[in-house]
Amino acid sequence: MAGVDLKKHSDGKVDLGFRFKKSFWSQGYATEAAARCLEIGFERHKLKSIIGRSASANKTSIRVLEKIGMQFESQKACEGIKDAVVYRINREDYSKIA
């Protein structure tokens, strides 16, 4: 069905990732699961910040990142995506919306 998780990269950044089969799109699962990952990351693991990355053309994934409070940080190639956007939320901003 789906996968949502937090992944720590070699540069120390923690990335929120999600993938869903098309039959599960547009049902709120990604937003709900991504929000729960933020909660676990900040409350259980005491992370300072979490990033989310997407192809700039993937407006649906970008909307999920925005719905959970992430803010646009940059646009650059990463993880094999030439035209990627990076969003970020830090613990202080998360605590204002949690």
PDB file of N, CA and C in Angstrom:
ATOM      1  N   MET A   1       0.824  -1.190   0.000  1.00  0.00           N
ATOM      2  CA  MET A   1       0.000   0.000   0.000  1.00  0.00           C
ATOM      3  C   MET A   1       0.866   1.251   0.000  1.00  0.00           C
ATOM      4  N   ALA A   2       1.691   1.416   1.055  1.00  0.00           N
ATOM      5  CA  ALA A   2       2.349   2.719   1.208  1.00  0.00           C
ATOM      6  C   ALA A   2       3.581   2.608   2.074  1.00  0.00           C
ATOM      7  N   GLY A   3       4.324   3.695   2.055  1.00  0.00           N
ATOM      8  CA  GLY A   3       5.466   3.802   2.934  1.00  0.00           C
ATOM      9  C   GLY A   3       5.740   5.252   3.270  1.00  0.00           C
ATOM     10  N   VAL A   4       5.900   5.536   4.538  1.00  0.00           N
ATOM     11  CA  VAL A   4       6.264   6.863   5.012  1.00  0.00           C
ATOM     12  C   VAL A   4       7.319   6.650   6.084  1.00  0.00           C
ATOM     13  N   ASP A   5       8.427   7.394   5.976  1.00  0.00           N
ATOM     14  CA  ASP A   5       9.454   7.218   6.989  1.00  0.00           C
ATOM     15  C   ASP A   5      10.378   8.423   7.066  1.00  0.00           C
ATOM     16  N   LEU A   6      11.215   8.394   8.070  1.00  0.00           N
ATOM     17  CA  LEU A   6      12.275   9.380   8.244  1.00  0.00           C
ATOM     18  C   LEU A   6      13.594   8.683   7.961  1.00  0.00           C
ATOM     19  N   LYS A   7      14.464   9.352   7.216  1.00  0.00           N
ATOM     20  CA  LYS A   7      15.751   8.768   6.855  1.00  0.00           C
ATOM     21  C   LYS A   7      16.850   9.768   7.155  1.00  0.00           C
ATOM     22  N   LYS A   8      17.866   9.313   7.899  1.00  0.00           N
ATOM     23  CA  LYS A   8      19.013  10.175   8.190  1.00  0.00           C
ATOM     24  C   LYS A   8      20.070   9.961   7.114  1.00  0.00           C
ATOM     25  N   HIS A   9      20.482  11.050   6.492  1.00  0.00           N
ATOM     26  CA  HIS A   9      21.482  10.995   5.427  1.00  0.00           C
ATOM     27  C   HIS A   9      22.885  11.197   6.005  1.00  0.00           C
ATOM     28  N   SER A  10      23.882  10.914   5.206  1.00  0.00           N
ATOM     29  CA  SER A  10      25.274  11.015   5.658  1.00  0.00           C
ATOM     30  C   SER A  10      25.658  12.435   6.049  1.00  0.00           C
ATOM     31  N   ASP A  11      24.945  13.441   5.526  1.00  0.00           N
ATOM     32  CA  ASP A  11      25.234  14.830   5.894  1.00  0.00           C
ATOM     33  C   ASP A  11      24.546  15.239   7.194  1.00  0.00           C
ATOM     34  N   GLY A  12      23.837  14.305   7.825  1.00  0.00           N
ATOM     35  CA  GLY A  12      23.172  14.567   9.093  1.00  0.00           C
ATOM     36  C   GLY A  12      21.733  15.038   8.963  1.00  0.00           C
ATOM     37  N   LYS A  13      21.298  15.376   7.765  1.00  0.00           N
ATOM     38  CA  LYS A  13      19.923  15.827   7.575  1.00  0.00           C
ATOM     39  C   LYS A  13      18.968  14.644   7.656  1.00  0.00           C
ATOM     40  N   VAL A  14      17.796  14.900   8.230  1.00  0.00           N
ATOM     41  CA  VAL A  14      16.764  13.875   8.321  1.00  0.00           C
ATOM     42  C   VAL A  14      15.666  14.250   7.343  1.00  0.00           C
ATOM     43  N   ASP A  15      15.338  13.302   6.470  1.00  0.00           N
ATOM     44  CA  ASP A  15      14.434  13.517   5.351  1.00  0.00           C
ATOM     45  C   ASP A  15      13.142  12.717   5.551  1.00  0.00           C
ATOM     46  N   LEU A  16      12.024  13.369   5.343  1.00  0.00           N
ATOM     47  CA  LEU A  16      10.715  12.726   5.368  1.00  0.00           C
ATOM     48  C   LEU A  16      10.418  12.227   3.964  1.00  0.00           C
ATOM     49  N   GLY A  17      10.115  10.962   3.834  1.00  0.00           N
ATOM     50  CA  GLY A  17       9.803  10.414   2.522  1.00  0.00           C
ATOM     51  C   GLY A  17       8.497   9.642   2.555  1.00  0.00           C
ATOM     52  N   PHE A  18       7.772   9.687   1.450  1.00  0.00           N
ATOM     53  CA  PHE A  18       6.537   8.909   1.362  1.00  0.00           C
ATOM     54  C   PHE A  18       6.292   8.463  -0.071  1.00  0.00           C
ATOM     55  N   ARG A  19       5.730   7.275  -0.184  1.00  0.00           N
ATOM     56  CA  ARG A  19       5.345   6.708  -1.477  1.00  0.00           C
ATOM     57  C   ARG A  19       4.043   5.939  -1.274  1.00  0.00           C
ATOM     58  N   PHE A  20       3.129   6.138  -2.195  1.00  0.00           N
ATOM     59  CA  PHE A  20       1.841   5.454  -2.143  1.00  0.00           C
ATOM     60  C   PHE A  20       1.476   4.936  -3.525  1.00  0.00           C
ATOM     61  N   LYS A  21       0.836   3.782  -3.563  1.00  0.00           N
ATOM     62  CA  LYS A  21       0.286   3.312  -4.829  1.00  0.00           C
ATOM     63  C   LYS A  21      -0.792   4.289  -5.265  1.00  0.00           C
ATOM     64  N   LYS A  22      -0.954   4.433  -6.568  1.00  0.00           N
ATOM     65  CA  LYS A  22      -1.896   5.413  -7.106  1.00  0.00           C
ATOM     66  C   LYS A  22      -3.314   5.225  -6.567  1.00  0.00           C
ATOM     67  N   SER A  23      -3.696   3.989  -6.298  1.00  0.00           N
ATOM     68  CA  SER A  23      -5.054   3.737  -5.796  1.00  0.00           C
ATOM     69  C   SER A  23      -5.290   4.338  -4.410  1.00  0.00           C
ATOM     70  N   PHE A  24      -4.216   4.774  -3.729  1.00  0.00           N
ATOM     71  CA  PHE A  24      -4.342   5.374  -2.405  1.00  0.00           C
ATOM     72  C   PHE A  24      -4.131   6.885  -2.416  1.00  0.00           C
ATOM     73  N   TRP A  25      -3.901   7.464  -3.592  1.00  0.00           N
ATOM     74  CA  TRP A  25      -3.698   8.908  -3.696  1.00  0.00           C
ATOM     75  C   TRP A  25      -4.975   9.666  -3.376  1.00  0.00           C
ATOM     76  N   SER A  26      -4.821  10.897  -2.923  1.00  0.00           N
ATOM     77  CA  SER A  26      -5.926  11.850  -2.709  1.00  0.00           C
ATOM     78  C   SER A  26      -6.944  11.378  -1.675  1.00  0.00           C
ATOM     79  N   GLN A  27      -6.472  10.622  -0.697  1.00  0.00           N
ATOM     80  CA  GLN A  27      -7.352  10.169   0.374  1.00  0.00           C
ATOM     81  C   GLN A  27      -6.885  10.657   1.747  1.00  0.00           C
ATOM     82  N   GLY A  28      -5.841  11.482   1.770  1.00  0.00           N
ATOM     83  CA  GLY A  28      -5.360  12.038   3.020  1.00  0.00           C
ATOM     84  C   GLY A  28      -4.340  11.193   3.750  1.00  0.00           C
ATOM     85  N   TYR A  29      -4.026  10.021   3.224  1.00  0.00           N
ATOM     86  CA  TYR A  29      -3.088   9.135   3.909  1.00  0.00           C
ATOM     87  C   TYR A  29      -1.689   9.735   4.019  1.00  0.00           C
ATOM     88  N   ALA A  30      -1.199  10.332   2.952  1.00  0.00           N
ATOM     89  CA  ALA A  30       0.156  10.890   2.975  1.00  0.00           C
ATOM     90  C   ALA A  30       0.266  12.008   4.000  1.00  0.00           C
ATOM     91  N   THR A  31      -0.706  12.902   4.019  1.00  0.00           N
ATOM     92  CA  THR A  31      -0.678  14.018   4.970  1.00  0.00           C
ATOM     93  C   THR A  31      -0.737  13.511   6.400  1.00  0.00           C
ATOM     94  N   GLU A  32      -1.640  12.576   6.667  1.00  0.00           N
ATOM     95  CA  GLU A  32      -1.788  12.035   8.018  1.00  0.00           C
ATOM     96  C   GLU A  32      -0.530  11.302   8.471  1.00  0.00           C
ATOM     97  N   ALA A  33       0.032  10.477   7.608  1.00  0.00           N
ATOM     98  CA  ALA A  33       1.227   9.720   7.970  1.00  0.00           C
ATOM     99  C   ALA A  33       2.451  10.634   8.093  1.00  0.00           C
ATOM    100  N   ALA A  34       2.564  11.612   7.214  1.00  0.00           N
ATOM    101  CA  ALA A  34       3.693  12.540   7.278  1.00  0.00           C
ATOM    102  C   ALA A  34       3.644  13.368   8.561  1.00  0.00           C
ATOM    103  N   ALA A  35       2.461  13.803   8.950  1.00  0.00           N
ATOM    104  CA  ALA A  35       2.307  14.561  10.196  1.00  0.00           C
ATOM    105  C   ALA A  35       2.715  13.706  11.397  1.00  0.00           C
ATOM    106  N   ARG A  36       2.363  12.442  11.368  1.00  0.00           N
ATOM    107  CA  ARG A  36       2.741  11.534  12.458  1.00  0.00           C
ATOM    108  C   ARG A  36       4.260  11.348  12.504  1.00  0.00           C
ATOM    109  N   CYS A  37       4.899  11.283  11.333  1.00  0.00           N
ATOM    110  CA  CYS A  37       6.365  11.168  11.291  1.00  0.00           C
ATOM    111  C   CYS A  37       7.034  12.391  11.903  1.00  0.00           C
ATOM    112  N   LEU A  38       6.480  13.579  11.631  1.00  0.00           N
ATOM    113  CA  LEU A  38       7.028  14.785  12.264  1.00  0.00           C
ATOM    114  C   LEU A  38       6.910  14.688  13.779  1.00  0.00           C
ATOM    115  N   GLU A  39       5.756  14.260  14.243  1.00  0.00           N
ATOM    116  CA  GLU A  39       5.538  14.118  15.686  1.00  0.00           C
ATOM    117  C   GLU A  39       6.571  13.168  16.297  1.00  0.00           C
ATOM    118  N   ILE A  40       6.781  12.041  15.680  1.00  0.00           N
ATOM    119  CA  ILE A  40       7.765  11.072  16.185  1.00  0.00           C
ATOM    120  C   ILE A  40       9.175  11.659  16.125  1.00  0.00           C
ATOM    121  N   GLY A  41       9.496  12.307  15.029  1.00  0.00           N
ATOM    122  CA  GLY A  41      10.831  12.880  14.873  1.00  0.00           C
ATOM    123  C   GLY A  41      11.144  13.937  15.906  1.00  0.00           C
ATOM    124  N   PHE A  42      10.186  14.833  16.148  1.00  0.00           N
ATOM    125  CA  PHE A  42      10.447  15.933  17.075  1.00  0.00           C
ATOM    126  C   PHE A  42      10.223  15.552  18.536  1.00  0.00           C
ATOM    127  N   GLU A  43       9.199  14.778  18.817  1.00  0.00           N
ATOM    128  CA  GLU A  43       8.879  14.470  20.215  1.00  0.00           C
ATOM    129  C   GLU A  43       9.648  13.269  20.756  1.00  0.00           C
ATOM    130  N   ARG A  44       9.764  12.221  19.988  1.00  0.00           N
ATOM    131  CA  ARG A  44      10.456  11.024  20.472  1.00  0.00           C
ATOM    132  C   ARG A  44      11.968  11.111  20.252  1.00  0.00           C
ATOM    133  N   HIS A  45      12.361  11.555  19.049  1.00  0.00           N
ATOM    134  CA  HIS A  45      13.784  11.555  18.707  1.00  0.00           C
ATOM    135  C   HIS A  45      14.466  12.904  18.922  1.00  0.00           C
ATOM    136  N   LYS A  46      13.686  13.907  19.303  1.00  0.00           N
ATOM    137  CA  LYS A  46      14.226  15.236  19.641  1.00  0.00           C
ATOM    138  C   LYS A  46      15.057  15.851  18.505  1.00  0.00           C
ATOM    139  N   LEU A  47      14.618  15.636  17.266  1.00  0.00           N
ATOM    140  CA  LEU A  47      15.329  16.205  16.118  1.00  0.00           C
ATOM    141  C   LEU A  47      15.211  17.720  16.116  1.00  0.00           C
ATOM    142  N   LYS A  48      16.199  18.385  15.551  1.00  0.00           N
ATOM    143  CA  LYS A  48      16.181  19.850  15.460  1.00  0.00           C
ATOM    144  C   LYS A  48      15.416  20.321  14.231  1.00  0.00           C
ATOM    145  N   SER A  49      15.519  19.565  13.132  1.00  0.00           N
ATOM    146  CA  SER A  49      14.788  19.916  11.919  1.00  0.00           C
ATOM    147  C   SER A  49      14.601  18.677  11.055  1.00  0.00           C
ATOM    148  N   ILE A  50      13.631  18.761  10.153  1.00  0.00           N
ATOM    149  CA  ILE A  50      13.333  17.685   9.212  1.00  0.00           C
ATOM    150  C   ILE A  50      13.110  18.333   7.850  1.00  0.00           C
ATOM    151  N   ILE A  51      13.665  17.709   6.817  1.00  0.00           N
ATOM    152  CA  ILE A  51      13.448  18.213   5.465  1.00  0.00           C
ATOM    153  C   ILE A  51      12.536  17.263   4.695  1.00  0.00           C
ATOM    154  N   GLY A  52      11.960  17.783   3.636  1.00  0.00           N
ATOM    155  CA  GLY A  52      11.193  16.992   2.686  1.00  0.00           C
ATOM    156  C   GLY A  52      11.601  17.417   1.297  1.00  0.00           C
ATOM    157  N   ARG A  53      11.783  16.453   0.398  1.00  0.00           N
ATOM    158  CA  ARG A  53      12.214  16.776  -0.957  1.00  0.00           C
ATOM    159  C   ARG A  53      11.253  16.161  -1.962  1.00  0.00           C
ATOM    160  N   SER A  54      11.116  16.854  -3.096  1.00  0.00           N
ATOM    161  CA  SER A  54      10.225  16.386  -4.147  1.00  0.00           C
ATOM    162  C   SER A  54      10.675  16.946  -5.476  1.00  0.00           C
ATOM    163  N   ALA A  55      10.305  16.274  -6.542  1.00  0.00           N
ATOM    164  CA  ALA A  55      10.478  16.862  -7.865  1.00  0.00           C
ATOM    165  C   ALA A  55       9.586  18.101  -7.910  1.00  0.00           C
ATOM    166  N   SER A  56      10.088  19.172  -8.494  1.00  0.00           N
ATOM    167  CA  SER A  56       9.317  20.421  -8.507  1.00  0.00           C
ATOM    168  C   SER A  56       7.999  20.281  -9.259  1.00  0.00           C
ATOM    169  N   ALA A  57       7.909  19.328 -10.168  1.00  0.00           N
ATOM    170  CA  ALA A  57       6.666  19.109 -10.920  1.00  0.00           C
ATOM    171  C   ALA A  57       5.620  18.338 -10.115  1.00  0.00           C
ATOM    172  N   ASN A  58       6.023  17.730  -9.000  1.00  0.00           N
ATOM    173  CA  ASN A  58       5.094  16.920  -8.209  1.00  0.00           C
ATOM    174  C   ASN A  58       4.351  17.810  -7.210  1.00  0.00           C
ATOM    175  N   LYS A  59       3.373  18.532  -7.712  1.00  0.00           N
ATOM    176  CA  LYS A  59       2.631  19.509  -6.898  1.00  0.00           C
ATOM    177  C   LYS A  59       1.871  18.851  -5.749  1.00  0.00           C
ATOM    178  N   THR A  60       1.428  17.622  -5.943  1.00  0.00           N
ATOM    179  CA  THR A  60       0.684  16.939  -4.876  1.00  0.00           C
ATOM    180  C   THR A  60       1.584  16.660  -3.680  1.00  0.00           C
ATOM    181  N   SER A  61       2.791  16.167  -3.921  1.00  0.00           N
ATOM    182  CA  SER A  61       3.724  15.920  -2.811  1.00  0.00           C
ATOM    183  C   SER A  61       4.139  17.225  -2.143  1.00  0.00           C
ATOM    184  N   ILE A  62       4.354  18.253  -2.931  1.00  0.00           N
ATOM    185  CA  ILE A  62       4.703  19.554  -2.361  1.00  0.00           C
ATOM    186  C   ILE A  62       3.574  20.060  -1.477  1.00  0.00           C
ATOM    187  N   ARG A  63       2.346  19.864  -1.898  1.00  0.00           N
ATOM    188  CA  ARG A  63       1.199  20.291  -1.091  1.00  0.00           C
ATOM    189  C   ARG A  63       1.160  19.548   0.248  1.00  0.00           C
ATOM    190  N   VAL A  64       1.497  18.276   0.248  1.00  0.00           N
ATOM    191  CA  VAL A  64       1.560  17.518   1.508  1.00  0.00           C
ATOM    192  C   VAL A  64       2.590  18.151   2.437  1.00  0.00           C
ATOM    193  N   LEU A  65       3.768  18.463   1.906  1.00  0.00           N
ATOM    194  CA  LEU A  65       4.814  19.086   2.732  1.00  0.00           C
ATOM    195  C   LEU A  65       4.341  20.415   3.307  1.00  0.00           C
ATOM    196  N   GLU A  66       3.636  21.188   2.508  1.00  0.00           N
ATOM    197  CA  GLU A  66       3.113  22.475   2.986  1.00  0.00           C
ATOM    198  C   GLU A  66       2.013  22.285   4.028  1.00  0.00           C
ATOM    199  N   LYS A  67       1.152  21.305   3.831  1.00  0.00           N
ATOM    200  CA  LYS A  67       0.060  21.047   4.784  1.00  0.00           C
ATOM    201  C   LYS A  67       0.577  20.699   6.174  1.00  0.00           C
ATOM    202  N   ILE A  68       1.741  20.046   6.239  1.00  0.00           N
ATOM    203  CA  ILE A  68       2.273  19.656   7.549  1.00  0.00           C
ATOM    204  C   ILE A  68       3.196  20.722   8.134  1.00  0.00           C
ATOM    205  N   GLY A  69       3.233  21.886   7.497  1.00  0.00           N
ATOM    206  CA  GLY A  69       3.952  23.016   8.071  1.00  0.00           C
ATOM    207  C   GLY A  69       5.344  23.273   7.538  1.00  0.00           C
ATOM    208  N   MET A  70       5.785  22.503   6.569  1.00  0.00           N
ATOM    209  CA  MET A  70       7.121  22.726   6.021  1.00  0.00           C
ATOM    210  C   MET A  70       7.122  23.963   5.127  1.00  0.00           C
ATOM    211  N   GLN A  71       8.269  24.626   5.088  1.00  0.00           N
ATOM    212  CA  GLN A  71       8.443  25.836   4.296  1.00  0.00           C
ATOM    213  C   GLN A  71       9.513  25.606   3.225  1.00  0.00           C
ATOM    214  N   PHE A  72       9.318  26.213   2.067  1.00  0.00           N
ATOM    215  CA  PHE A  72      10.284  26.102   0.982  1.00  0.00           C
ATOM    216  C   PHE A  72      11.648  26.603   1.447  1.00  0.00           C
ATOM    217  N   GLU A  73      12.689  25.839   1.136  1.00  0.00           N
ATOM    218  CA  GLU A  73      14.054  26.223   1.492  1.00  0.00           C
ATOM    219  C   GLU A  73      14.916  26.476   0.261  1.00  0.00           C
ATOM    220  N   SER A  74      14.878  25.564  -0.712  1.00  0.00           N
ATOM    221  CA  SER A  74      15.733  25.717  -1.883  1.00  0.00           C
ATOM    222  C   SER A  74      15.254  24.837  -3.031  1.00  0.00           C
ATOM    223  N   GLN A  75      15.842  25.094  -4.175  1.00  0.00           N
ATOM    224  CA  GLN A  75      15.589  24.262  -5.345  1.00  0.00           C
ATOM    225  C   GLN A  75      16.946  23.858  -5.906  1.00  0.00           C
ATOM    226  N   LYS A  76      17.210  22.541  -5.902  1.00  0.00           N
ATOM    227  CA  LYS A  76      18.502  22.041  -6.369  1.00  0.00           C
ATOM    228  C   LYS A  76      18.397  20.551  -6.640  1.00  0.00           C
ATOM    229  N   ALA A  77      19.322  20.044  -7.404  1.00  0.00           N
ATOM    230  CA  ALA A  77      19.350  18.614  -7.689  1.00  0.00           C
ATOM    231  C   ALA A  77      19.706  17.840  -6.424  1.00  0.00           C
ATOM    232  N   CYS A  78      19.034  16.717  -6.216  1.00  0.00           N
ATOM    233  CA  CYS A  78      19.364  15.859  -5.080  1.00  0.00           C
ATOM    234  C   CYS A  78      18.775  14.476  -5.300  1.00  0.00           C
ATOM    235  N   GLU A  79      19.477  13.472  -4.813  1.00  0.00           N
ATOM    236  CA  GLU A  79      19.004  12.088  -4.867  1.00  0.00           C
ATOM    237  C   GLU A  79      18.515  11.689  -6.254  1.00  0.00           C
ATOM    238  N   GLY A  80      19.214  12.128  -7.289  1.00  0.00           N
ATOM    239  CA  GLY A  80      18.857  11.752  -8.644  1.00  0.00           C
ATOM    240  C   GLY A  80      17.723  12.552  -9.269  1.00  0.00           C
ATOM    241  N   ILE A  81      17.195  13.524  -8.549  1.00  0.00           N
ATOM    242  CA  ILE A  81      16.138  14.384  -9.078  1.00  0.00           C
ATOM    243  C   ILE A  81      16.792  15.691  -9.517  1.00  0.00           C
ATOM    244  N   LYS A  82      16.783  15.957 -10.813  1.00  0.00           N
ATOM    245  CA  LYS A  82      17.475  17.143 -11.329  1.00  0.00           C
ATOM    246  C   LYS A  82      16.820  18.438 -10.877  1.00  0.00           C
ATOM    247  N   ASP A  83      15.511  18.483 -10.885  1.00  0.00           N
ATOM    248  CA  ASP A  83      14.777  19.703 -10.563  1.00  0.00           C
ATOM    249  C   ASP A  83      13.973  19.477  -9.279  1.00  0.00           C
ATOM    250  N   ALA A  84      14.674  19.383  -8.172  1.00  0.00           N
ATOM    251  CA  ALA A  84      14.034  19.076  -6.891  1.00  0.00           C
ATOM    252  C   ALA A  84      13.851  20.330  -6.044  1.00  0.00           C
ATOM    253  N   VAL A  85      12.859  20.295  -5.192  1.00  0.00           N
ATOM    254  CA  VAL A  85      12.658  21.343  -4.195  1.00  0.00           C
ATOM    255  C   VAL A  85      12.879  20.737  -2.821  1.00  0.00           C
ATOM    256  N   VAL A  86      13.393  21.561  -1.919  1.00  0.00           N
ATOM    257  CA  VAL A  86      13.644  21.135  -0.548  1.00  0.00           C
ATOM    258  C   VAL A  86      12.790  22.002   0.370  1.00  0.00           C
ATOM    259  N   TYR A  87      12.034  21.352   1.231  1.00  0.00           N
ATOM    260  CA  TYR A  87      11.227  22.029   2.247  1.00  0.00           C
ATOM    261  C   TYR A  87      11.790  21.645   3.605  1.00  0.00           C
ATOM    262  N   ARG A  88      11.571  22.498   4.620  1.00  0.00           N
ATOM    263  CA  ARG A  88      12.108  22.251   5.956  1.00  0.00           C
ATOM    264  C   ARG A  88      11.126  22.740   7.015  1.00  0.00           C
ATOM    265  N   ILE A  89      11.165  22.045   8.146  1.00  0.00           N
ATOM    266  CA  ILE A  89      10.492  22.525   9.348  1.00  0.00           C
ATOM    267  C   ILE A  89      11.429  22.255  10.519  1.00  0.00           C
ATOM    268  N   ASN A  90      11.544  23.222  11.417  1.00  0.00           N
ATOM    269  CA  ASN A  90      12.373  23.008  12.604  1.00  0.00           C
ATOM    270  C   ASN A  90      11.472  22.772  13.814  1.00  0.00           C
ATOM    271  N   ARG A  91      12.078  22.328  14.873  1.00  0.00           N
ATOM    272  CA  ARG A  91      11.317  21.969  16.070  1.00  0.00           C
ATOM    273  C   ARG A  91      10.497  23.117  16.620  1.00  0.00           C
ATOM    274  N   GLU A  92      11.055  24.329  16.596  1.00  0.00           N
ATOM    275  CA  GLU A  92      10.339  25.484  17.128  1.00  0.00           C
ATOM    276  C   GLU A  92       9.068  25.783  16.320  1.00  0.00           C
ATOM    277  N   ASP A  93       9.190  25.744  15.007  1.00  0.00           N
ATOM    278  CA  ASP A  93       8.016  25.968  14.169  1.00  0.00           C
ATOM    279  C   ASP A  93       6.997  24.844  14.320  1.00  0.00           C
ATOM    280  N   TYR A  94       7.470  23.614  14.447  1.00  0.00           N
ATOM    281  CA  TYR A  94       6.573  22.488  14.653  1.00  0.00           C
ATOM    282  C   TYR A  94       5.788  22.652  15.961  1.00  0.00           C
ATOM    283  N   SER A  95       6.470  23.103  17.006  1.00  0.00           N
ATOM    284  CA  SER A  95       5.794  23.232  18.311  1.00  0.00           C
ATOM    285  C   SER A  95       4.675  24.274  18.270  1.00  0.00           C
ATOM    286  N   LYS A  96       4.731  25.217  17.332  1.00  0.00           N
ATOM    287  CA  LYS A  96       3.670  26.225  17.193  1.00  0.00           C
ATOM    288  C   LYS A  96       2.417  25.660  16.531  1.00  0.00           C
ATOM    289  N   ILE A  97       2.582  24.593  15.735  1.00  0.00           N
ATOM    290  CA  ILE A  97       1.414  24.034  15.022  1.00  0.00           C
ATOM    291  C   ILE A  97       0.948  22.705  15.593  1.00  0.00           C
ATOM    292  N   ALA A  98       1.753  22.105  16.457  1.00  0.00           N
ATOM    293  CA  ALA A  98       1.408  20.777  17.000  1.00  0.00           C
ATOM    294  C   ALA A  98       0.296  20.853  18.020  1.00  0.00           C
TER     295      ALA A  98
END
